[in-house]
Amino acid sequence: MKTDTSGRIKLPSVFSRPMVEFYGREVFFTSVNGDFGLIYPLKVWEDVERRLLLAPSMSPSVKKYLSLTSYYGKVLSLDAKDRLIIPQVLRRSAALEGELIILGKLNHLEIWNLERFRREMEENPFTEEDARALASLGI
């Protein structure tokens, strides 16, 4: 998949159709490290925020997470053609221009620069330890 000249992406229907059907067209587009984007249906993100309200507000991890997701974050709506404009800050930091890949992650999507994702897979391959950890979960 590629971005267009306006920095938009079209979500594949395999992702957009169920997202719109169950959650509507509003999403929260963010990141926690600037290396890749996270697209949450807005209702799912609001659930994340509710859980964060229960956490100690002075927790360094909570403070850092909120700062990063706020810095990178933006509420957006899918247009009639299921397109989103990638926030400029993420286009720069995560190189979200040109060839991209979108990954389904249960309750949200990840969007990566394709070359960056390939490097990530090479540098952090699935290991036997990963397989054992999943097996302990019954997977």
C-alpha atoms as a PDB file:
ATOM      1  CA  MET A   1       0.000   0.000   0.000  1.00  0.00           C
ATOM      2  CA  LYS A   2       1.176   3.536  -0.709  1.00  0.00           C
ATOM      3  CA  THR A   3       0.334   6.976   0.562  1.00  0.00           C
ATOM      4  CA  ASP A   4      -1.086   9.449  -1.922  1.00  0.00           C
ATOM      5  CA  THR A   5       0.310  12.929  -2.553  1.00  0.00           C
ATOM      6  CA  SER A   6      -1.765  14.321   0.344  1.00  0.00           C
ATOM      7  CA  GLY A   7      -0.341  11.833   2.862  1.00  0.00           C
ATOM      8  CA  ARG A   8      -3.509   9.741   2.886  1.00  0.00           C
ATOM      9  CA  ILE A   9      -3.854   5.994   3.081  1.00  0.00           C
ATOM     10  CA  LYS A  10      -6.831   3.870   2.153  1.00  0.00           C
ATOM     11  CA  LEU A  11      -7.514   1.227   4.760  1.00  0.00           C
ATOM     12  CA  PRO A  12      -8.025  -2.197   3.209  1.00  0.00           C
ATOM     13  CA  SER A  13     -11.675  -3.247   3.417  1.00  0.00           C
ATOM     14  CA  VAL A  14     -10.698  -6.278   5.516  1.00  0.00           C
ATOM     15  CA  PHE A  15      -9.918  -3.736   8.268  1.00  0.00           C
ATOM     16  CA  SER A  16     -12.209  -0.804   7.493  1.00  0.00           C
ATOM     17  CA  ARG A  17     -15.443  -2.763   7.031  1.00  0.00           C
ATOM     18  CA  PRO A  18     -15.568  -4.353  10.517  1.00  0.00           C
ATOM     19  CA  MET A  19     -14.134  -1.208  12.123  1.00  0.00           C
ATOM     20  CA  VAL A  20     -16.872   1.005  10.694  1.00  0.00           C
ATOM     21  CA  GLU A  21     -19.570  -1.589  11.375  1.00  0.00           C
ATOM     22  CA  PHE A  22     -18.686  -2.071  15.060  1.00  0.00           C
ATOM     23  CA  TYR A  23     -17.126   1.241  16.048  1.00  0.00           C
ATOM     24  CA  GLY A  24     -17.946   3.925  13.502  1.00  0.00           C
ATOM     25  CA  ARG A  25     -15.627   6.090  11.396  1.00  0.00           C
ATOM     26  CA  GLU A  26     -13.746   7.966  14.112  1.00  0.00           C
ATOM     27  CA  VAL A  27     -10.266   6.768  15.041  1.00  0.00           C
ATOM     28  CA  PHE A  28      -7.373   7.841  17.237  1.00  0.00           C
ATOM     29  CA  PHE A  29      -4.120   7.758  15.244  1.00  0.00           C
ATOM     30  CA  THR A  30      -1.050   7.794  17.516  1.00  0.00           C
ATOM     31  CA  SER A  31       2.280   6.189  18.422  1.00  0.00           C
ATOM     32  CA  VAL A  32       4.213   5.440  21.593  1.00  0.00           C
ATOM     33  CA  ASN A  33       7.693   5.763  20.106  1.00  0.00           C
ATOM     34  CA  GLY A  34       7.404   7.465  16.719  1.00  0.00           C
ATOM     35  CA  ASP A  35       8.651   4.375  14.865  1.00  0.00           C
ATOM     36  CA  PHE A  36       5.223   3.264  13.625  1.00  0.00           C
ATOM     37  CA  GLY A  37       1.607   4.357  13.862  1.00  0.00           C
ATOM     38  CA  LEU A  38      -1.261   2.958  15.892  1.00  0.00           C
ATOM     39  CA  ILE A  39      -4.849   3.318  14.694  1.00  0.00           C
ATOM     40  CA  TYR A  40      -7.484   2.705  17.350  1.00  0.00           C
ATOM     41  CA  PRO A  41     -11.220   2.919  16.772  1.00  0.00           C
ATOM     42  CA  LEU A  42     -12.065   5.942  18.912  1.00  0.00           C
ATOM     43  CA  LYS A  43     -14.355   3.878  21.156  1.00  0.00           C
ATOM     44  CA  VAL A  44     -11.505   1.430  21.836  1.00  0.00           C
ATOM     45  CA  TRP A  45      -9.134   4.310  22.616  1.00  0.00           C
ATOM     46  CA  GLU A  46     -11.683   5.765  25.027  1.00  0.00           C
ATOM     47  CA  ASP A  47     -11.634   2.412  26.859  1.00  0.00           C
ATOM     48  CA  VAL A  48      -7.827   2.682  27.098  1.00  0.00           C
ATOM     49  CA  GLU A  49      -8.228   6.167  28.579  1.00  0.00           C
ATOM     50  CA  ARG A  50     -10.754   4.890  31.128  1.00  0.00           C
ATOM     51  CA  ARG A  51      -8.263   2.251  32.284  1.00  0.00           C
ATOM     52  CA  LEU A  52      -5.531   4.887  32.495  1.00  0.00           C
ATOM     53  CA  LEU A  53      -7.764   6.957  34.781  1.00  0.00           C
ATOM     54  CA  LEU A  54      -7.615   4.074  37.267  1.00  0.00           C
ATOM     55  CA  ALA A  55      -3.801   4.033  37.271  1.00  0.00           C
ATOM     56  CA  PRO A  56      -1.746   6.169  39.647  1.00  0.00           C
ATOM     57  CA  SER A  57      -1.479   9.556  37.926  1.00  0.00           C
ATOM     58  CA  MET A  58       2.103  10.056  39.091  1.00  0.00           C
ATOM     59  CA  SER A  59       3.315   6.752  37.668  1.00  0.00           C
ATOM     60  CA  PRO A  60       6.295   7.589  35.423  1.00  0.00           C
ATOM     61  CA  SER A  61       5.174   5.003  32.862  1.00  0.00           C
ATOM     62  CA  VAL A  62       1.627   6.388  32.726  1.00  0.00           C
ATOM     63  CA  LYS A  63       2.903   9.959  32.426  1.00  0.00           C
ATOM     64  CA  LYS A  64       5.296   9.006  29.629  1.00  0.00           C
ATOM     65  CA  TYR A  65       2.623   6.994  27.782  1.00  0.00           C
ATOM     66  CA  LEU A  66       0.128   9.848  27.973  1.00  0.00           C
ATOM     67  CA  SER A  67       2.702  12.403  26.839  1.00  0.00           C
ATOM     68  CA  LEU A  68       3.766  10.334  23.850  1.00  0.00           C
ATOM     69  CA  THR A  69       0.288   9.305  22.738  1.00  0.00           C
ATOM     70  CA  SER A  70      -0.856  12.927  23.070  1.00  0.00           C
ATOM     71  CA  TYR A  71       2.134  14.273  21.140  1.00  0.00           C
ATOM     72  CA  TYR A  72       1.694  11.835  18.260  1.00  0.00           C
ATOM     73  CA  GLY A  73      -2.086  11.506  18.576  1.00  0.00           C
ATOM     74  CA  LYS A  74      -4.896  12.923  16.547  1.00  0.00           C
ATOM     75  CA  VAL A  75      -8.612  12.106  16.311  1.00  0.00           C
ATOM     76  CA  LEU A  76      -9.540  11.509  12.674  1.00  0.00           C
ATOM     77  CA  SER A  77     -12.487  10.231  10.668  1.00  0.00           C
ATOM     78  CA  LEU A  78     -12.369   7.772   7.820  1.00  0.00           C
ATOM     79  CA  ASP A  79     -13.724   9.489   4.727  1.00  0.00           C
ATOM     80  CA  ALA A  80     -16.350   7.904   2.449  1.00  0.00           C
ATOM     81  CA  LYS A  81     -13.577   5.969   0.659  1.00  0.00           C
ATOM     82  CA  ASP A  82     -12.098   4.675   3.950  1.00  0.00           C
ATOM     83  CA  ARG A  83      -9.069   6.982   3.739  1.00  0.00           C
ATOM     84  CA  LEU A  84      -7.161   8.724   6.539  1.00  0.00           C
ATOM     85  CA  ILE A  85      -4.623  11.512   6.437  1.00  0.00           C
ATOM     86  CA  ILE A  86      -1.534  10.390   8.342  1.00  0.00           C
ATOM     87  CA  PRO A  87      -0.617  13.038  10.928  1.00  0.00           C
ATOM     88  CA  GLN A  88       2.412  15.023   9.728  1.00  0.00           C
ATOM     89  CA  VAL A  89       4.421  14.329  12.892  1.00  0.00           C
ATOM     90  CA  LEU A  90       4.124  10.578  12.215  1.00  0.00           C
ATOM     91  CA  ARG A  91       4.816  10.925   8.516  1.00  0.00           C
ATOM     92  CA  ARG A  92       8.180  12.388   9.516  1.00  0.00           C
ATOM     93  CA  SER A  93       9.169  10.331  12.569  1.00  0.00           C
ATOM     94  CA  ALA A  94       7.917   6.943  11.345  1.00  0.00           C
ATOM     95  CA  ALA A  95       8.633   7.563   7.637  1.00  0.00           C
ATOM     96  CA  LEU A  96       4.969   6.859   6.884  1.00  0.00           C
ATOM     97  CA  GLU A  97       5.210   7.825   3.247  1.00  0.00           C
ATOM     98  CA  GLY A  98       5.613   5.645   0.188  1.00  0.00           C
ATOM     99  CA  GLU A  99       5.306   1.879   0.697  1.00  0.00           C
ATOM    100  CA  LEU A 100       3.506   0.969   3.935  1.00  0.00           C
ATOM    101  CA  ILE A 101       2.130  -2.124   5.627  1.00  0.00           C
ATOM    102  CA  ILE A 102      -0.908  -2.299   7.906  1.00  0.00           C
ATOM    103  CA  LEU A 103      -1.098  -5.031  10.535  1.00  0.00           C
ATOM    104  CA  GLY A 104      -4.227  -6.078  12.413  1.00  0.00           C
ATOM    105  CA  LYS A 105      -3.597  -6.256  16.184  1.00  0.00           C
ATOM    106  CA  LEU A 106      -6.863  -7.553  17.718  1.00  0.00           C
ATOM    107  CA  ASN A 107      -8.362  -4.191  18.771  1.00  0.00           C
ATOM    108  CA  HIS A 108      -6.238  -1.748  16.745  1.00  0.00           C
ATOM    109  CA  LEU A 109      -4.031  -1.499  13.671  1.00  0.00           C
ATOM    110  CA  GLU A 110      -0.316  -0.864  13.291  1.00  0.00           C
ATOM    111  CA  ILE A 111       0.984   1.000  10.282  1.00  0.00           C
ATOM    112  CA  TRP A 112       4.654   0.775   9.346  1.00  0.00           C
ATOM    113  CA  ASN A 113       6.999   1.946   6.657  1.00  0.00           C
ATOM    114  CA  LEU A 114       7.497  -1.347   4.783  1.00  0.00           C
ATOM    115  CA  GLU A 115      11.306  -1.249   4.782  1.00  0.00           C
ATOM    116  CA  ARG A 116      11.427  -0.313   8.470  1.00  0.00           C
ATOM    117  CA  PHE A 117       9.105  -3.224   9.293  1.00  0.00           C
ATOM    118  CA  ARG A 118      11.260  -5.661   7.317  1.00  0.00           C
ATOM    119  CA  ARG A 119      14.348  -4.507   9.238  1.00  0.00           C
ATOM    120  CA  GLU A 120      12.447  -4.890  12.523  1.00  0.00           C
ATOM    121  CA  MET A 121      11.524  -8.486  11.630  1.00  0.00           C
ATOM    122  CA  GLU A 122      15.134  -9.289  10.698  1.00  0.00           C
ATOM    123  CA  GLU A 123      16.549  -7.713  13.859  1.00  0.00           C
ATOM    124  CA  ASN A 124      13.912  -9.248  16.167  1.00  0.00           C
ATOM    125  CA  PRO A 125      12.918 -12.648  14.760  1.00  0.00           C
ATOM    126  CA  PHE A 126      10.381 -14.943  16.394  1.00  0.00           C
ATOM    127  CA  THR A 127      12.324 -17.178  18.775  1.00  0.00           C
ATOM    128  CA  GLU A 128      11.879 -20.447  20.633  1.00  0.00           C
ATOM    129  CA  GLU A 129      11.454 -18.367  23.786  1.00  0.00           C
ATOM    130  CA  ASP A 130       8.554 -16.541  22.088  1.00  0.00           C
ATOM    131  CA  ALA A 131       7.016 -19.889  21.134  1.00  0.00           C
ATOM    132  CA  ARG A 132       7.303 -21.141  24.750  1.00  0.00           C
ATOM    133  CA  ALA A 133       5.712 -17.957  26.094  1.00  0.00           C
ATOM    134  CA  LEU A 134       2.769 -18.400  23.722  1.00  0.00           C
ATOM    135  CA  ALA A 135       2.502 -22.086  24.552  1.00  0.00           C
ATOM    136  CA  SER A 136       2.189 -21.166  28.234  1.00  0.00           C
ATOM    137  CA  LEU A 137      -0.889 -19.152  27.215  1.00  0.00           C
ATOM    138  CA  GLY A 138      -2.340 -22.141  25.366  1.00  0.00           C
ATOM    139  CA  ILE A 139      -1.518 -20.764  21.921  1.00  0.00           C
END
